Amino acid sequence: GLVGGHCIGVDPYYLTYKAKSIGYHPKIILAGRELNDKMGSYVALEL
């Protein structure tokens, strides 16, 4: 489904922001975020 709201679609970016600030580039977390962020485009295109 579409992932949104003030928690699930936001909170991971707080963690990845902190990770990057200490020199660690998170892979899995950002990959999941990117996929979920693109689901809106996928739904529109499928329709």
ModelCIF file with pLDDT and N, C-alpha, C, O atoms, coordinates in Angstrom:
data_MODEL
#
_entry.id   MODEL 
#
_entity.id                         1 
_entity.type                       polymer 
_entity.pdbx_number_of_molecules   1 
#
_entity_poly.entity_id                      1 
_entity_poly.type                           'polypeptide(L)' 
_entity_poly.nstd_linkage                   no 
_entity_poly.nstd_monomer                   no 
_entity_poly.pdbx_seq_one_letter_code       GLVGGHCIGVDPYYLTYKAKSIGYHPKIILAGRELNDKMGSYVALEL 
_entity_poly.pdbx_seq_one_letter_code_can   GLVGGHCIGVDPYYLTYKAKSIGYHPKIILAGRELNDKMGSYVALEL 
_entity_poly.pdbx_strand_id                 A 
#
loop_
_entity_poly_seq.entity_id 
_entity_poly_seq.num 
_entity_poly_seq.mon_id 
_entity_poly_seq.hetero 
1 1  GLY n 
1 2  LEU n 
1 3  VAL n 
1 4  GLY n 
1 5  GLY n 
1 6  HIS n 
1 7  CYS n 
1 8  ILE n 
1 9  GLY n 
1 10 VAL n 
1 11 ASP n 
1 12 PRO n 
1 13 TYR n 
1 14 TYR n 
1 15 LEU n 
1 16 THR n 
1 17 TYR n 
1 18 LYS n 
1 19 ALA n 
1 20 LYS n 
1 21 SER n 
1 22 ILE n 
1 23 GLY n 
1 24 TYR n 
1 25 HIS n 
1 26 PRO n 
1 27 LYS n 
1 28 ILE n 
1 29 ILE n 
1 30 LEU n 
1 31 ALA n 
1 32 GLY n 
1 33 ARG n 
1 34 GLU n 
1 35 LEU n 
1 36 ASN n 
1 37 ASP n 
1 38 LYS n 
1 39 MET n 
1 40 GLY n 
1 41 SER n 
1 42 TYR n 
1 43 VAL n 
1 44 ALA n 
1 45 LEU n 
1 46 GLU n 
1 47 LEU n 
#
_struct_asym.id          A 
_struct_asym.entity_id   1 
#
loop_
_ma_qa_metric.id 
_ma_qa_metric.mode 
_ma_qa_metric.name 
_ma_qa_metric.software_group_id 
_ma_qa_metric.type 
1 global pLDDT . pLDDT 
2 local  pLDDT . pLDDT 
#
_ma_qa_metric_global.metric_id      1 
_ma_qa_metric_global.metric_value   93.83 
_ma_qa_metric_global.model_id       1 
_ma_qa_metric_global.ordinal_id     1 
#
loop_
_ma_qa_metric_local.label_asym_id 
_ma_qa_metric_local.label_comp_id 
_ma_qa_metric_local.label_seq_id 
_ma_qa_metric_local.metric_id 
_ma_qa_metric_local.metric_value 
_ma_qa_metric_local.model_id 
_ma_qa_metric_local.ordinal_id 
A GLY 1  2 93.00 1 1  
A LEU 2  2 94.00 1 2  
A VAL 3  2 91.00 1 3  
A GLY 4  2 82.00 1 4  
A GLY 5  2 78.00 1 5  
A HIS 6  2 78.00 1 6  
A CYS 7  2 83.00 1 7  
A ILE 8  2 88.00 1 8  
A GLY 9  2 87.00 1 9  
A VAL 10 2 91.00 1 10 
A ASP 11 2 93.00 1 11 
A PRO 12 2 95.00 1 12 
A TYR 13 2 95.00 1 13 
A TYR 14 2 96.00 1 14 
A LEU 15 2 96.00 1 15 
A THR 16 2 96.00 1 16 
A TYR 17 2 96.00 1 17 
A LYS 18 2 96.00 1 18 
A ALA 19 2 96.00 1 19 
A LYS 20 2 96.00 1 20 
A SER 21 2 95.00 1 21 
A ILE 22 2 96.00 1 22 
A GLY 23 2 96.00 1 23 
A TYR 24 2 97.00 1 24 
A HIS 25 2 96.00 1 25 
A PRO 26 2 95.00 1 26 
A LYS 27 2 95.00 1 27 
A ILE 28 2 96.00 1 28 
A ILE 29 2 96.00 1 29 
A LEU 30 2 96.00 1 30 
A ALA 31 2 97.00 1 31 
A GLY 32 2 96.00 1 32 
A ARG 33 2 95.00 1 33 
A GLU 34 2 95.00 1 34 
A LEU 35 2 96.00 1 35 
A ASN 36 2 96.00 1 36 
A ASP 37 2 94.00 1 37 
A LYS 38 2 95.00 1 38 
A MET 39 2 96.00 1 39 
A GLY 40 2 95.00 1 40 
A SER 41 2 96.00 1 41 
A TYR 42 2 97.00 1 42 
A VAL 43 2 97.00 1 43 
A ALA 44 2 97.00 1 44 
A LEU 45 2 97.00 1 45 
A GLU 46 2 96.00 1 46 
A LEU 47 2 97.00 1 47 
#
loop_
_atom_site.group_PDB 
_atom_site.id 
_atom_site.type_symbol 
_atom_site.label_atom_id 
_atom_site.label_alt_id 
_atom_site.label_comp_id 
_atom_site.label_asym_id 
_atom_site.label_entity_id 
_atom_site.label_seq_id 
_atom_site.pdbx_PDB_ins_code 
_atom_site.Cartn_x 
_atom_site.Cartn_y 
_atom_site.Cartn_z 
_atom_site.occupancy 
_atom_site.B_iso_or_equiv 
_atom_site.pdbx_formal_charge 
_atom_site.auth_seq_id 
_atom_site.auth_comp_id 
_atom_site.auth_asym_id 
_atom_site.auth_atom_id 
_atom_site.pdbx_PDB_model_num 
ATOM 1   N N  . GLY A 1 1  ? 0.805  -1.211 0.000   1.00 93.00 ? 1  GLY A N  1 
ATOM 2   C CA . GLY A 1 1  ? 0.000  0.000  0.000   1.00 93.00 ? 1  GLY A CA 1 
ATOM 3   C C  . GLY A 1 1  ? 0.835  1.257  0.000   1.00 93.00 ? 1  GLY A C  1 
ATOM 4   O O  . GLY A 1 1  ? 2.065  1.214  0.021   1.00 93.00 ? 1  GLY A O  1 
ATOM 5   N N  . LEU A 1 2  ? 0.138  2.376  -0.025  1.00 94.00 ? 2  LEU A N  1 
ATOM 6   C CA . LEU A 1 2  ? 0.781  3.683  0.053   1.00 94.00 ? 2  LEU A CA 1 
ATOM 7   C C  . LEU A 1 2  ? 1.195  3.951  1.490   1.00 94.00 ? 2  LEU A C  1 
ATOM 8   O O  . LEU A 1 2  ? 0.428  3.700  2.419   1.00 94.00 ? 2  LEU A O  1 
ATOM 9   N N  . VAL A 1 3  ? 2.387  4.452  1.672   1.00 91.00 ? 3  VAL A N  1 
ATOM 10  C CA . VAL A 1 3  ? 2.901  4.736  3.007   1.00 91.00 ? 3  VAL A CA 1 
ATOM 11  C C  . VAL A 1 3  ? 2.971  6.247  3.193   1.00 91.00 ? 3  VAL A C  1 
ATOM 12  O O  . VAL A 1 3  ? 3.652  6.943  2.440   1.00 91.00 ? 3  VAL A O  1 
ATOM 13  N N  . GLY A 1 4  ? 2.270  6.742  4.188   1.00 82.00 ? 4  GLY A N  1 
ATOM 14  C CA . GLY A 1 4  ? 2.276  8.175  4.446   1.00 82.00 ? 4  GLY A CA 1 
ATOM 15  C C  . GLY A 1 4  ? 2.037  8.463  5.914   1.00 82.00 ? 4  GLY A C  1 
ATOM 16  O O  . GLY A 1 4  ? 2.268  7.618  6.778   1.00 82.00 ? 4  GLY A O  1 
ATOM 17  N N  . GLY A 1 5  ? 1.566  9.679  6.181   1.00 78.00 ? 5  GLY A N  1 
ATOM 18  C CA . GLY A 1 5  ? 1.318  10.070 7.557   1.00 78.00 ? 5  GLY A CA 1 
ATOM 19  C C  . GLY A 1 5  ? 2.515  10.768 8.169   1.00 78.00 ? 5  GLY A C  1 
ATOM 20  O O  . GLY A 1 5  ? 3.543  10.964 7.522   1.00 78.00 ? 5  GLY A O  1 
ATOM 21  N N  . HIS A 1 6  ? 2.359  11.138 9.426   1.00 78.00 ? 6  HIS A N  1 
ATOM 22  C CA . HIS A 1 6  ? 3.390  11.905 10.102  1.00 78.00 ? 6  HIS A CA 1 
ATOM 23  C C  . HIS A 1 6  ? 4.400  11.029 10.827  1.00 78.00 ? 6  HIS A C  1 
ATOM 24  O O  . HIS A 1 6  ? 5.286  11.549 11.506  1.00 78.00 ? 6  HIS A O  1 
ATOM 25  N N  . CYS A 1 7  ? 4.285  9.698  10.696  1.00 83.00 ? 7  CYS A N  1 
ATOM 26  C CA . CYS A 1 7  ? 5.199  8.798  11.403  1.00 83.00 ? 7  CYS A CA 1 
ATOM 27  C C  . CYS A 1 7  ? 6.011  7.908  10.454  1.00 83.00 ? 7  CYS A C  1 
ATOM 28  O O  . CYS A 1 7  ? 7.210  8.115  10.272  1.00 83.00 ? 7  CYS A O  1 
ATOM 29  N N  . ILE A 1 8  ? 5.347  6.922  9.855   1.00 88.00 ? 8  ILE A N  1 
ATOM 30  C CA . ILE A 1 8  ? 6.062  5.910  9.078   1.00 88.00 ? 8  ILE A CA 1 
ATOM 31  C C  . ILE A 1 8  ? 6.827  6.509  7.905   1.00 88.00 ? 8  ILE A C  1 
ATOM 32  O O  . ILE A 1 8  ? 7.953  6.102  7.617   1.00 88.00 ? 8  ILE A O  1 
ATOM 33  N N  . GLY A 1 9  ? 6.216  7.470  7.235   1.00 87.00 ? 9  GLY A N  1 
ATOM 34  C CA . GLY A 1 9  ? 6.873  8.080  6.087   1.00 87.00 ? 9  GLY A CA 1 
ATOM 35  C C  . GLY A 1 9  ? 7.885  9.150  6.449   1.00 87.00 ? 9  GLY A C  1 
ATOM 36  O O  . GLY A 1 9  ? 8.541  9.705  5.568   1.00 87.00 ? 9  GLY A O  1 
ATOM 37  N N  . VAL A 1 10 ? 8.022  9.451  7.746   1.00 91.00 ? 10 VAL A N  1 
ATOM 38  C CA . VAL A 1 10 ? 8.888  10.542 8.205   1.00 91.00 ? 10 VAL A CA 1 
ATOM 39  C C  . VAL A 1 10 ? 10.028 10.045 9.097   1.00 91.00 ? 10 VAL A C  1 
ATOM 40  O O  . VAL A 1 10 ? 11.190 10.395 8.890   1.00 91.00 ? 10 VAL A O  1 
ATOM 41  N N  . ASP A 1 11 ? 9.681  9.228  10.088  1.00 93.00 ? 11 ASP A N  1 
ATOM 42  C CA . ASP A 1 11 ? 10.643 8.832  11.121  1.00 93.00 ? 11 ASP A CA 1 
ATOM 43  C C  . ASP A 1 11 ? 11.940 8.227  10.581  1.00 93.00 ? 11 ASP A C  1 
ATOM 44  O O  . ASP A 1 11 ? 13.010 8.549  11.097  1.00 93.00 ? 11 ASP A O  1 
ATOM 45  N N  . PRO A 1 12 ? 11.886 7.355  9.552   1.00 95.00 ? 12 PRO A N  1 
ATOM 46  C CA . PRO A 1 12 ? 13.148 6.809  9.042   1.00 95.00 ? 12 PRO A CA 1 
ATOM 47  C C  . PRO A 1 12 ? 14.130 7.869  8.577   1.00 95.00 ? 12 PRO A C  1 
ATOM 48  O O  . PRO A 1 12 ? 15.340 7.669  8.673   1.00 95.00 ? 12 PRO A O  1 
ATOM 49  N N  . TYR A 1 13 ? 13.629 9.005  8.069   1.00 95.00 ? 13 TYR A N  1 
ATOM 50  C CA . TYR A 1 13 ? 14.520 10.073 7.617   1.00 95.00 ? 13 TYR A CA 1 
ATOM 51  C C  . TYR A 1 13 ? 15.252 10.733 8.783   1.00 95.00 ? 13 TYR A C  1 
ATOM 52  O O  . TYR A 1 13 ? 16.356 11.247 8.607   1.00 95.00 ? 13 TYR A O  1 
ATOM 53  N N  . TYR A 1 14 ? 14.647 10.724 9.971   1.00 96.00 ? 14 TYR A N  1 
ATOM 54  C CA . TYR A 1 14 ? 15.335 11.234 11.155  1.00 96.00 ? 14 TYR A CA 1 
ATOM 55  C C  . TYR A 1 14 ? 16.531 10.350 11.494  1.00 96.00 ? 14 TYR A C  1 
ATOM 56  O O  . TYR A 1 14 ? 17.598 10.846 11.856  1.00 96.00 ? 14 TYR A O  1 
ATOM 57  N N  . LEU A 1 15 ? 16.344 9.037  11.375  1.00 96.00 ? 15 LEU A N  1 
ATOM 58  C CA . LEU A 1 15 ? 17.427 8.107  11.683  1.00 96.00 ? 15 LEU A CA 1 
ATOM 59  C C  . LEU A 1 15 ? 18.529 8.181  10.632  1.00 96.00 ? 15 LEU A C  1 
ATOM 60  O O  . LEU A 1 15 ? 19.713 8.178  10.970  1.00 96.00 ? 15 LEU A O  1 
ATOM 61  N N  . THR A 1 16 ? 18.144 8.247  9.357   1.00 96.00 ? 16 THR A N  1 
ATOM 62  C CA . THR A 1 16 ? 19.158 8.307  8.305   1.00 96.00 ? 16 THR A CA 1 
ATOM 63  C C  . THR A 1 16 ? 19.910 9.632  8.323   1.00 96.00 ? 16 THR A C  1 
ATOM 64  O O  . THR A 1 16 ? 21.093 9.680  7.985   1.00 96.00 ? 16 THR A O  1 
ATOM 65  N N  . TYR A 1 17 ? 19.226 10.715 8.718   1.00 96.00 ? 17 TYR A N  1 
ATOM 66  C CA . TYR A 1 17 ? 19.891 12.009 8.856   1.00 96.00 ? 17 TYR A CA 1 
ATOM 67  C C  . TYR A 1 17 ? 20.997 11.934 9.898   1.00 96.00 ? 17 TYR A C  1 
ATOM 68  O O  . TYR A 1 17 ? 22.112 12.403 9.667   1.00 96.00 ? 17 TYR A O  1 
ATOM 69  N N  . LYS A 1 18 ? 20.684 11.345 11.038  1.00 96.00 ? 18 LYS A N  1 
ATOM 70  C CA . LYS A 1 18 ? 21.673 11.205 12.096  1.00 96.00 ? 18 LYS A CA 1 
ATOM 71  C C  . LYS A 1 18 ? 22.807 10.277 11.664  1.00 96.00 ? 18 LYS A C  1 
ATOM 72  O O  . LYS A 1 18 ? 23.976 10.533 11.952  1.00 96.00 ? 18 LYS A O  1 
ATOM 73  N N  . ALA A 1 19 ? 22.448 9.198  10.972  1.00 96.00 ? 19 ALA A N  1 
ATOM 74  C CA . ALA A 1 19 ? 23.466 8.255  10.496  1.00 96.00 ? 19 ALA A CA 1 
ATOM 75  C C  . ALA A 1 19 ? 24.474 8.946  9.588   1.00 96.00 ? 19 ALA A C  1 
ATOM 76  O O  . ALA A 1 19 ? 25.682 8.763  9.738   1.00 96.00 ? 19 ALA A O  1 
ATOM 77  N N  . LYS A 1 20 ? 23.973 9.743  8.646   1.00 96.00 ? 20 LYS A N  1 
ATOM 78  C CA . LYS A 1 20 ? 24.856 10.448 7.714   1.00 96.00 ? 20 LYS A CA 1 
ATOM 79  C C  . LYS A 1 20 ? 25.741 11.468 8.438   1.00 96.00 ? 20 LYS A C  1 
ATOM 80  O O  . LYS A 1 20 ? 26.885 11.696 8.045   1.00 96.00 ? 20 LYS A O  1 
ATOM 81  N N  . SER A 1 21 ? 25.197 12.082 9.504   1.00 95.00 ? 21 SER A N  1 
ATOM 82  C CA . SER A 1 21 ? 25.951 13.102 10.230  1.00 95.00 ? 21 SER A CA 1 
ATOM 83  C C  . SER A 1 21 ? 27.165 12.524 10.951  1.00 95.00 ? 21 SER A C  1 
ATOM 84  O O  . SER A 1 21 ? 28.117 13.244 11.252  1.00 95.00 ? 21 SER A O  1 
ATOM 85  N N  . ILE A 1 22 ? 27.126 11.205 11.231  1.00 96.00 ? 22 ILE A N  1 
ATOM 86  C CA . ILE A 1 22 ? 28.268 10.567 11.882  1.00 96.00 ? 22 ILE A CA 1 
ATOM 87  C C  . ILE A 1 22 ? 29.079 9.723  10.908  1.00 96.00 ? 22 ILE A C  1 
ATOM 88  O O  . ILE A 1 22 ? 29.914 8.915  11.315  1.00 96.00 ? 22 ILE A O  1 
ATOM 89  N N  . GLY A 1 23 ? 28.820 9.920  9.599   1.00 96.00 ? 23 GLY A N  1 
ATOM 90  C CA . GLY A 1 23 ? 29.638 9.283  8.580   1.00 96.00 ? 23 GLY A CA 1 
ATOM 91  C C  . GLY A 1 23 ? 29.201 7.912  8.116   1.00 96.00 ? 23 GLY A C  1 
ATOM 92  O O  . GLY A 1 23 ? 29.965 7.211  7.453   1.00 96.00 ? 23 GLY A O  1 
ATOM 93  N N  . TYR A 1 24 ? 27.964 7.510  8.460   1.00 97.00 ? 24 TYR A N  1 
ATOM 94  C CA . TYR A 1 24 ? 27.468 6.213  8.005   1.00 97.00 ? 24 TYR A CA 1 
ATOM 95  C C  . TYR A 1 24 ? 26.320 6.422  7.033   1.00 97.00 ? 24 TYR A C  1 
ATOM 96  O O  . TYR A 1 24 ? 25.355 7.121  7.342   1.00 97.00 ? 24 TYR A O  1 
ATOM 97  N N  . HIS A 1 25 ? 26.425 5.820  5.862   1.00 96.00 ? 25 HIS A N  1 
ATOM 98  C CA . HIS A 1 25 ? 25.377 5.923  4.844   1.00 96.00 ? 25 HIS A CA 1 
ATOM 99  C C  . HIS A 1 25 ? 24.489 4.677  4.902   1.00 96.00 ? 25 HIS A C  1 
ATOM 100 O O  . HIS A 1 25 ? 24.902 3.614  4.437   1.00 96.00 ? 25 HIS A O  1 
ATOM 101 N N  . PRO A 1 26 ? 23.296 4.782  5.455   1.00 95.00 ? 26 PRO A N  1 
ATOM 102 C CA . PRO A 1 26 ? 22.422 3.611  5.557   1.00 95.00 ? 26 PRO A CA 1 
ATOM 103 C C  . PRO A 1 26 ? 21.923 3.150  4.196   1.00 95.00 ? 26 PRO A C  1 
ATOM 104 O O  . PRO A 1 26 ? 21.566 3.970  3.351   1.00 95.00 ? 26 PRO A O  1 
ATOM 105 N N  . LYS A 1 27 ? 21.898 1.855  3.987   1.00 95.00 ? 27 LYS A N  1 
ATOM 106 C CA . LYS A 1 27 ? 21.521 1.301  2.689   1.00 95.00 ? 27 LYS A CA 1 
ATOM 107 C C  . LYS A 1 27 ? 20.100 0.757  2.692   1.00 95.00 ? 27 LYS A C  1 
ATOM 108 O O  . LYS A 1 27 ? 19.270 1.160  1.877   1.00 95.00 ? 27 LYS A O  1 
ATOM 109 N N  . ILE A 1 28 ? 19.831 -0.148 3.601   1.00 96.00 ? 28 ILE A N  1 
ATOM 110 C CA . ILE A 1 28 ? 18.526 -0.813 3.619   1.00 96.00 ? 28 ILE A CA 1 
ATOM 111 C C  . ILE A 1 28 ? 17.403 0.171  3.947   1.00 96.00 ? 28 ILE A C  1 
ATOM 112 O O  . ILE A 1 28 ? 16.355 0.159  3.301   1.00 96.00 ? 28 ILE A O  1 
ATOM 113 N N  . ILE A 1 29 ? 17.622 1.017  4.943   1.00 96.00 ? 29 ILE A N  1 
ATOM 114 C CA . ILE A 1 29 ? 16.581 1.969  5.359   1.00 96.00 ? 29 ILE A CA 1 
ATOM 115 C C  . ILE A 1 29 ? 16.216 2.905  4.213   1.00 96.00 ? 29 ILE A C  1 
ATOM 116 O O  . ILE A 1 29 ? 15.035 3.113  3.935   1.00 96.00 ? 29 ILE A O  1 
ATOM 117 N N  . LEU A 1 30 ? 17.219 3.472  3.545   1.00 96.00 ? 30 LEU A N  1 
ATOM 118 C CA . LEU A 1 30 ? 16.959 4.397  2.445   1.00 96.00 ? 30 LEU A CA 1 
ATOM 119 C C  . LEU A 1 30 ? 16.346 3.695  1.243   1.00 96.00 ? 30 LEU A C  1 
ATOM 120 O O  . LEU A 1 30 ? 15.512 4.273  0.545   1.00 96.00 ? 30 LEU A O  1 
ATOM 121 N N  . ALA A 1 31 ? 16.753 2.447  0.996   1.00 97.00 ? 31 ALA A N  1 
ATOM 122 C CA . ALA A 1 31 ? 16.173 1.686  -0.114  1.00 97.00 ? 31 ALA A CA 1 
ATOM 123 C C  . ALA A 1 31 ? 14.681 1.471  0.105   1.00 97.00 ? 31 ALA A C  1 
ATOM 124 O O  . ALA A 1 31 ? 13.884 1.609  -0.823  1.00 97.00 ? 31 ALA A O  1 
ATOM 125 N N  . GLY A 1 32 ? 14.309 1.132  1.340   1.00 96.00 ? 32 GLY A N  1 
ATOM 126 C CA . GLY A 1 32 ? 12.899 0.963  1.660   1.00 96.00 ? 32 GLY A CA 1 
ATOM 127 C C  . GLY A 1 32 ? 12.118 2.248  1.510   1.00 96.00 ? 32 GLY A C  1 
ATOM 128 O O  . GLY A 1 32 ? 11.011 2.254  0.972   1.00 96.00 ? 32 GLY A O  1 
ATOM 129 N N  . ARG A 1 33 ? 12.700 3.348  1.991   1.00 95.00 ? 33 ARG A N  1 
ATOM 130 C CA . ARG A 1 33 ? 12.060 4.648  1.881   1.00 95.00 ? 33 ARG A CA 1 
ATOM 131 C C  . ARG A 1 33 ? 11.850 5.049  0.422   1.00 95.00 ? 33 ARG A C  1 
ATOM 132 O O  . ARG A 1 33 ? 10.779 5.527  0.050   1.00 95.00 ? 33 ARG A O  1 
ATOM 133 N N  . GLU A 1 34 ? 12.875 4.851  -0.394  1.00 95.00 ? 34 GLU A N  1 
ATOM 134 C CA . GLU A 1 34 ? 12.785 5.206  -1.810  1.00 95.00 ? 34 GLU A CA 1 
ATOM 135 C C  . GLU A 1 34 ? 11.679 4.425  -2.501  1.00 95.00 ? 34 GLU A C  1 
ATOM 136 O O  . GLU A 1 34 ? 10.908 4.979  -3.284  1.00 95.00 ? 34 GLU A O  1 
ATOM 137 N N  . LEU A 1 35 ? 11.609 3.136  -2.205  1.00 96.00 ? 35 LEU A N  1 
ATOM 138 C CA . LEU A 1 35 ? 10.576 2.312  -2.833  1.00 96.00 ? 35 LEU A CA 1 
ATOM 139 C C  . LEU A 1 35 ? 9.184  2.780  -2.426  1.00 96.00 ? 35 LEU A C  1 
ATOM 140 O O  . LEU A 1 35 ? 8.307  2.943  -3.274  1.00 96.00 ? 35 LEU A O  1 
ATOM 141 N N  . ASN A 1 36 ? 8.980  2.997  -1.126  1.00 96.00 ? 36 ASN A N  1 
ATOM 142 C CA . ASN A 1 36 ? 7.665  3.424  -0.656  1.00 96.00 ? 36 ASN A CA 1 
ATOM 143 C C  . ASN A 1 36 ? 7.298  4.812  -1.179  1.00 96.00 ? 36 ASN A C  1 
ATOM 144 O O  . ASN A 1 36 ? 6.131  5.070  -1.471  1.00 96.00 ? 36 ASN A O  1 
ATOM 145 N N  . ASP A 1 37 ? 8.268  5.695  -1.297  1.00 94.00 ? 37 ASP A N  1 
ATOM 146 C CA . ASP A 1 37 ? 8.011  7.032  -1.820  1.00 94.00 ? 37 ASP A CA 1 
ATOM 147 C C  . ASP A 1 37 ? 7.563  6.992  -3.283  1.00 94.00 ? 37 ASP A C  1 
ATOM 148 O O  . ASP A 1 37 ? 6.840  7.879  -3.737  1.00 94.00 ? 37 ASP A O  1 
ATOM 149 N N  . LYS A 1 38 ? 7.993  5.965  -4.019  1.00 95.00 ? 38 LYS A N  1 
ATOM 150 C CA . LYS A 1 38 ? 7.674  5.862  -5.441  1.00 95.00 ? 38 LYS A CA 1 
ATOM 151 C C  . LYS A 1 38 ? 6.384  5.096  -5.716  1.00 95.00 ? 38 LYS A C  1 
ATOM 152 O O  . LYS A 1 38 ? 5.981  4.962  -6.871  1.00 95.00 ? 38 LYS A O  1 
ATOM 153 N N  . MET A 1 39 ? 5.731  4.591  -4.663  1.00 96.00 ? 39 MET A N  1 
ATOM 154 C CA . MET A 1 39 ? 4.525  3.796  -4.869  1.00 96.00 ? 39 MET A CA 1 
ATOM 155 C C  . MET A 1 39 ? 3.390  4.618  -5.460  1.00 96.00 ? 39 MET A C  1 
ATOM 156 O O  . MET A 1 39 ? 2.561  4.080  -6.194  1.00 96.00 ? 39 MET A O  1 
ATOM 157 N N  . GLY A 1 40 ? 3.335  5.903  -5.155  1.00 95.00 ? 40 GLY A N  1 
ATOM 158 C CA . GLY A 1 40 ? 2.304  6.749  -5.735  1.00 95.00 ? 40 GLY A CA 1 
ATOM 159 C C  . GLY A 1 40 ? 2.409  6.808  -7.247  1.00 95.00 ? 40 GLY A C  1 
ATOM 160 O O  . GLY A 1 40 ? 1.406  6.709  -7.953  1.00 95.00 ? 40 GLY A O  1 
ATOM 161 N N  . SER A 1 41 ? 3.631  6.972  -7.739  1.00 96.00 ? 41 SER A N  1 
ATOM 162 C CA . SER A 1 41 ? 3.865  6.990  -9.184  1.00 96.00 ? 41 SER A CA 1 
ATOM 163 C C  . SER A 1 41 ? 3.508  5.643  -9.805  1.00 96.00 ? 41 SER A C  1 
ATOM 164 O O  . SER A 1 41 ? 2.921  5.580  -10.885 1.00 96.00 ? 41 SER A O  1 
ATOM 165 N N  . TYR A 1 42 ? 3.872  4.568  -9.107  1.00 97.00 ? 42 TYR A N  1 
ATOM 166 C CA . TYR A 1 42 ? 3.579  3.219  -9.605  1.00 97.00 ? 42 TYR A CA 1 
ATOM 167 C C  . TYR A 1 42 ? 2.072  3.000  -9.738  1.00 97.00 ? 42 TYR A C  1 
ATOM 168 O O  . TYR A 1 42 ? 1.601  2.475  -10.747 1.00 97.00 ? 42 TYR A O  1 
ATOM 169 N N  . VAL A 1 43 ? 1.325  3.405  -8.715  1.00 97.00 ? 43 VAL A N  1 
ATOM 170 C CA . VAL A 1 43 ? -0.131 3.241  -8.738  1.00 97.00 ? 43 VAL A CA 1 
ATOM 171 C C  . VAL A 1 43 ? -0.749 4.012  -9.901  1.00 97.00 ? 43 VAL A C  1 
ATOM 172 O O  . VAL A 1 43 ? -1.581 3.479  -10.636 1.00 97.00 ? 43 VAL A O  1 
ATOM 173 N N  . ALA A 1 44 ? -0.336 5.273  -10.064 1.00 97.00 ? 44 ALA A N  1 
ATOM 174 C CA . ALA A 1 44 ? -0.874 6.101  -11.147 1.00 97.00 ? 44 ALA A CA 1 
ATOM 175 C C  . ALA A 1 44 ? -0.572 5.486  -12.507 1.00 97.00 ? 44 ALA A C  1 
ATOM 176 O O  . ALA A 1 44 ? -1.438 5.445  -13.380 1.00 97.00 ? 44 ALA A O  1 
ATOM 177 N N  . LEU A 1 45 ? 0.652  5.008  -12.686 1.00 97.00 ? 45 LEU A N  1 
ATOM 178 C CA . LEU A 1 45 ? 1.051  4.435  -13.967 1.00 97.00 ? 45 LEU A CA 1 
ATOM 179 C C  . LEU A 1 45 ? 0.295  3.146  -14.263 1.00 97.00 ? 45 LEU A C  1 
ATOM 180 O O  . LEU A 1 45 ? -0.106 2.908  -15.402 1.00 97.00 ? 45 LEU A O  1 
ATOM 181 N N  . GLU A 1 46 ? 0.097  2.313  -13.242 1.00 96.00 ? 46 GLU A N  1 
ATOM 182 C CA . GLU A 1 46 ? -0.649 1.067  -13.427 1.00 96.00 ? 46 GLU A CA 1 
ATOM 183 C C  . GLU A 1 46 ? -2.097 1.351  -13.825 1.00 96.00 ? 46 GLU A C  1 
ATOM 184 O O  . GLU A 1 46 ? -2.670 0.655  -14.663 1.00 96.00 ? 46 GLU A O  1 
ATOM 185 N N  . LEU A 1 47 ? -2.676 2.377  -13.215 1.00 97.00 ? 47 LEU A N  1 
ATOM 186 C CA . LEU A 1 47 ? -4.043 2.757  -13.564 1.00 97.00 ? 47 LEU A CA 1 
ATOM 187 C C  . LEU A 1 47 ? -4.120 3.223  -15.015 1.00 97.00 ? 47 LEU A C  1 
ATOM 188 O O  . LEU A 1 47 ? -5.197 3.584  -15.491 1.00 97.00 ? 47 LEU A O  1 
#
